[in-house]
């Protein structure tokens, strides 16, 4: 797995809930990471796997990777 920008980001991306089989069903798992594109986002907990991509880490403030045209 890729190295994340800070420990808080790593903890949130790797968080596994013991009450929900899928991270996308757990309100305690707010951040998702798509390794194939390198994008981070806030999960939309509506039963799917959608997320709103974020440009900066909410904890350390570092600029996160942007989606390239090849990722579309």
C-alpha atoms as a PDB file:
ATOM      1  CA  UNK A   1       0.000   0.000   0.000  1.00  0.00           C
ATOM      2  CA  UNK A   2       1.112   3.520  -0.719  1.00  0.00           C
ATOM      3  CA  UNK A   3       2.542   5.762   1.975  1.00  0.00           C
ATOM      4  CA  UNK A   4      -0.066   8.300   3.021  1.00  0.00           C
ATOM      5  CA  UNK A   5       0.679  11.935   3.823  1.00  0.00           C
ATOM      6  CA  UNK A   6       0.322  11.607   7.603  1.00  0.00           C
ATOM      7  CA  UNK A   7      -0.513   9.131  10.355  1.00  0.00           C
ATOM      8  CA  UNK A   8      -4.092  10.404  10.747  1.00  0.00           C
ATOM      9  CA  UNK A   9      -4.764   9.898   7.030  1.00  0.00           C
ATOM     10  CA  UNK A  10      -3.301   6.388   7.201  1.00  0.00           C
ATOM     11  CA  UNK A  11      -5.406   5.520  10.252  1.00  0.00           C
ATOM     12  CA  UNK A  12      -8.603   6.773   8.594  1.00  0.00           C
ATOM     13  CA  UNK A  13      -7.948   5.083   5.248  1.00  0.00           C
ATOM     14  CA  UNK A  14      -7.082   1.766   6.899  1.00  0.00           C
ATOM     15  CA  UNK A  15      -9.796   1.889   9.590  1.00  0.00           C
ATOM     16  CA  UNK A  16     -11.825  -1.329   9.729  1.00  0.00           C
ATOM     17  CA  UNK A  17     -15.061  -1.467  11.658  1.00  0.00           C
ATOM     18  CA  UNK A  18     -15.981  -4.556  13.675  1.00  0.00           C
ATOM     19  CA  UNK A  19     -19.704  -3.765  13.318  1.00  0.00           C
ATOM     20  CA  UNK A  20     -19.922  -3.340   9.520  1.00  0.00           C
ATOM     21  CA  UNK A  21     -18.742  -5.827   6.894  1.00  0.00           C
ATOM     22  CA  UNK A  22     -18.056  -3.014   4.405  1.00  0.00           C
ATOM     23  CA  UNK A  23     -16.223   0.247   5.228  1.00  0.00           C
ATOM     24  CA  UNK A  24     -18.751   2.100   3.023  1.00  0.00           C
ATOM     25  CA  UNK A  25     -21.520   1.200   5.478  1.00  0.00           C
ATOM     26  CA  UNK A  26     -19.674   2.545   8.545  1.00  0.00           C
ATOM     27  CA  UNK A  27     -20.055   6.191   9.624  1.00  0.00           C
ATOM     28  CA  UNK A  28     -16.757   5.875  11.529  1.00  0.00           C
ATOM     29  CA  UNK A  29     -14.902   5.431   8.207  1.00  0.00           C
ATOM     30  CA  UNK A  30     -15.162   8.871   6.585  1.00  0.00           C
ATOM     31  CA  UNK A  31     -12.178   8.785   4.194  1.00  0.00           C
ATOM     32  CA  UNK A  32     -11.593   6.480   1.244  1.00  0.00           C
ATOM     33  CA  UNK A  33      -8.523   5.979  -0.921  1.00  0.00           C
ATOM     34  CA  UNK A  34      -8.487   4.649  -4.461  1.00  0.00           C
ATOM     35  CA  UNK A  35      -4.962   3.235  -4.977  1.00  0.00           C
ATOM     36  CA  UNK A  36      -5.400   2.799  -8.744  1.00  0.00           C
ATOM     37  CA  UNK A  37      -5.771   6.578  -9.196  1.00  0.00           C
ATOM     38  CA  UNK A  38      -4.166   7.821  -5.968  1.00  0.00           C
ATOM     39  CA  UNK A  39      -7.296   9.827  -5.098  1.00  0.00           C
ATOM     40  CA  UNK A  40      -8.646  10.455  -1.619  1.00  0.00           C
ATOM     41  CA  UNK A  41     -12.194  11.417  -0.773  1.00  0.00           C
ATOM     42  CA  UNK A  42     -14.992  11.720   1.730  1.00  0.00           C
ATOM     43  CA  UNK A  43     -17.263   8.697   1.459  1.00  0.00           C
ATOM     44  CA  UNK A  44     -20.923   9.187   0.648  1.00  0.00           C
ATOM     45  CA  UNK A  45     -22.667   6.698   2.926  1.00  0.00           C
ATOM     46  CA  UNK A  46     -25.673   5.953   0.732  1.00  0.00           C
ATOM     47  CA  UNK A  47     -25.163   2.243   0.160  1.00  0.00           C
ATOM     48  CA  UNK A  48     -22.720   2.676  -2.732  1.00  0.00           C
ATOM     49  CA  UNK A  49     -19.005   3.321  -3.027  1.00  0.00           C
ATOM     50  CA  UNK A  50     -19.104   6.968  -4.144  1.00  0.00           C
ATOM     51  CA  UNK A  51     -16.908   9.661  -2.673  1.00  0.00           C
ATOM     52  CA  UNK A  52     -16.292  13.368  -3.015  1.00  0.00           C
ATOM     53  CA  UNK A  53     -12.622  13.791  -3.868  1.00  0.00           C
ATOM     54  CA  UNK A  54     -10.578  16.092  -1.668  1.00  0.00           C
ATOM     55  CA  UNK A  55      -7.599  18.215  -2.710  1.00  0.00           C
ATOM     56  CA  UNK A  56      -5.965  18.603   0.724  1.00  0.00           C
ATOM     57  CA  UNK A  57      -5.519  16.364   3.739  1.00  0.00           C
ATOM     58  CA  UNK A  58      -7.996  17.383   6.474  1.00  0.00           C
ATOM     59  CA  UNK A  59      -5.359  16.700   9.168  1.00  0.00           C
ATOM     60  CA  UNK A  60      -1.965  17.899   7.905  1.00  0.00           C
ATOM     61  CA  UNK A  61      -3.068  20.172   5.051  1.00  0.00           C
ATOM     62  CA  UNK A  62      -0.748  18.724   2.399  1.00  0.00           C
ATOM     63  CA  UNK A  63      -1.943  18.910  -1.214  1.00  0.00           C
ATOM     64  CA  UNK A  64      -3.132  15.483  -2.349  1.00  0.00           C
ATOM     65  CA  UNK A  65      -2.743  13.965  -5.847  1.00  0.00           C
ATOM     66  CA  UNK A  66      -5.141  15.186  -8.535  1.00  0.00           C
ATOM     67  CA  UNK A  67      -7.033  13.023 -10.987  1.00  0.00           C
ATOM     68  CA  UNK A  68      -5.353  12.985 -14.369  1.00  0.00           C
ATOM     69  CA  UNK A  69      -7.126  12.765 -17.736  1.00  0.00           C
ATOM     70  CA  UNK A  70      -5.903   9.151 -17.975  1.00  0.00           C
ATOM     71  CA  UNK A  71      -7.875   8.304 -14.803  1.00  0.00           C
ATOM     72  CA  UNK A  72     -11.249   9.346 -16.285  1.00  0.00           C
END
